């Protein structure tokens, strides 16, 4: 099952959304508290509609940003080598969240 993993680094809290195979699908920004990071995860869950994902191509790599209703980026994808792989990642993120097992 997909899981959110919260960790602390450089005095901030971060999250990863990990796929069933353990790979990182999406990561969040740095938060000043664990509670803020958990709120960010709730925003990810609440904003998991297809129109909330913005595709990009930068420095020879493809990726996507997960954007909240207020326009803020709430998650960034891993980098992909093809647009098709990126698009598959976008399409699978809501499915991963549907099967979510909670915080790791």
Protein backbone atom coordinates (compact mmCIF):
# COMPACT_ATOMS: atom_id res chain seq x y z
CA UNK A 1 0.00 0.00 0.00
CA UNK A 2 1.07 3.57 -0.59
CA UNK A 3 2.24 5.41 2.50
CA UNK A 4 3.21 8.86 3.64
CA UNK A 5 6.54 9.01 5.42
CA UNK A 6 7.34 12.02 7.61
CA UNK A 7 10.96 12.71 8.45
CA UNK A 8 13.00 15.53 9.95
CA UNK A 9 16.05 17.05 8.28
CA UNK A 10 17.85 20.37 8.79
CA UNK A 11 15.34 21.36 11.49
CA UNK A 12 12.31 20.93 9.26
CA UNK A 13 9.70 18.23 8.67
CA UNK A 14 9.19 16.76 5.21
CA UNK A 15 6.97 14.09 3.72
CA UNK A 16 7.34 11.51 1.00
CA UNK A 17 4.44 9.75 -0.66
CA UNK A 18 5.80 6.28 -1.38
CA UNK A 19 4.34 3.85 -3.89
CA UNK A 20 3.61 0.21 -3.14
CA UNK A 21 7.14 -0.67 -4.26
CA UNK A 22 8.71 1.90 -1.89
CA UNK A 23 9.65 4.41 -4.57
CA UNK A 24 9.05 8.08 -3.87
CA UNK A 25 6.18 9.39 -6.01
CA UNK A 26 5.87 12.85 -4.49
CA UNK A 27 7.60 14.90 -1.82
CA UNK A 28 6.52 17.94 0.14
CA UNK A 29 8.13 21.19 1.16
CA UNK A 30 9.91 21.70 4.47
CA UNK A 31 7.60 22.50 7.39
CA UNK A 32 8.57 24.05 10.71
CA UNK A 33 6.52 21.56 12.76
CA UNK A 34 5.30 18.01 12.43
CA UNK A 35 1.70 19.24 12.80
CA UNK A 36 2.18 21.59 9.83
CA UNK A 37 3.59 18.70 7.79
CA UNK A 38 0.57 16.56 8.71
CA UNK A 39 -1.70 19.44 7.61
CA UNK A 40 0.20 19.50 4.31
CA UNK A 41 -0.52 15.80 3.86
CA UNK A 42 -4.21 16.44 4.48
CA UNK A 43 -4.09 19.12 1.77
CA UNK A 44 -2.53 16.61 -0.62
CA UNK A 45 -5.38 14.20 0.05
CA UNK A 46 -8.03 16.92 -0.33
CA UNK A 47 -6.56 18.26 -3.59
CA UNK A 48 -6.11 15.02 -5.49
CA UNK A 49 -8.17 15.88 -8.56
CA UNK A 50 -6.60 15.61 -12.04
CA UNK A 51 -6.65 19.38 -12.63
CA UNK A 52 -4.46 19.88 -9.53
CA UNK A 53 -1.40 18.40 -11.26
CA UNK A 54 0.78 20.64 -13.43
CA UNK A 55 3.20 18.95 -15.82
CA UNK A 56 6.59 20.40 -16.67
CA UNK A 57 9.74 19.70 -18.67
CA UNK A 58 12.94 21.21 -17.29
CA UNK A 59 16.64 20.50 -17.79
CA UNK A 60 15.88 17.45 -19.90
CA UNK A 61 13.57 15.87 -17.32
CA UNK A 62 9.82 15.60 -16.92
CA UNK A 63 7.89 16.06 -13.71
CA UNK A 64 4.76 17.43 -12.13
CA UNK A 65 3.75 19.72 -9.31
CA UNK A 66 0.71 19.02 -7.15
CA UNK A 67 -1.08 22.34 -6.62
CA UNK A 68 -3.64 23.26 -3.94
CA UNK A 69 -6.79 25.28 -4.62
CA UNK A 70 -4.98 28.43 -3.42
CA UNK A 71 -2.30 27.94 -6.10
CA UNK A 72 0.48 26.84 -3.75
CA UNK A 73 2.60 23.83 -4.66
CA UNK A 74 1.94 21.13 -2.07
CA UNK A 75 4.02 18.38 -3.65
CA UNK A 76 6.64 17.72 -6.29
CA UNK A 77 7.11 14.52 -8.25
CA UNK A 78 10.20 12.51 -8.83
CA UNK A 79 11.89 13.23 -12.17
CA UNK A 80 11.04 11.13 -15.22
CA UNK A 81 12.89 10.50 -18.48
CA UNK A 82 9.76 10.53 -20.66
CA UNK A 83 6.51 12.46 -20.77
CA UNK A 84 4.58 9.18 -20.80
CA UNK A 85 6.22 8.05 -17.54
CA UNK A 86 5.40 11.40 -15.97
CA UNK A 87 1.80 11.21 -17.17
CA UNK A 88 1.52 7.68 -15.74
CA UNK A 89 2.80 9.07 -12.43
CA UNK A 90 0.14 11.77 -12.46
CA UNK A 91 -2.61 9.28 -13.26
CA UNK A 92 -1.48 6.85 -10.58
CA UNK A 93 -1.17 9.36 -7.72
CA UNK A 94 -4.92 9.53 -6.96
CA UNK A 95 -5.06 5.73 -7.12
CA UNK A 96 -2.18 5.50 -4.66
CA UNK A 97 -3.95 7.87 -2.29
CA UNK A 98 -7.13 5.77 -2.53
CA UNK A 99 -5.11 2.77 -1.30
CA UNK A 100 -3.25 4.79 1.30
CA UNK A 101 -2.32 3.01 4.49
CA UNK A 102 -1.62 6.18 6.52
CA UNK A 103 1.56 7.64 7.97
CA UNK A 104 4.59 5.44 8.16
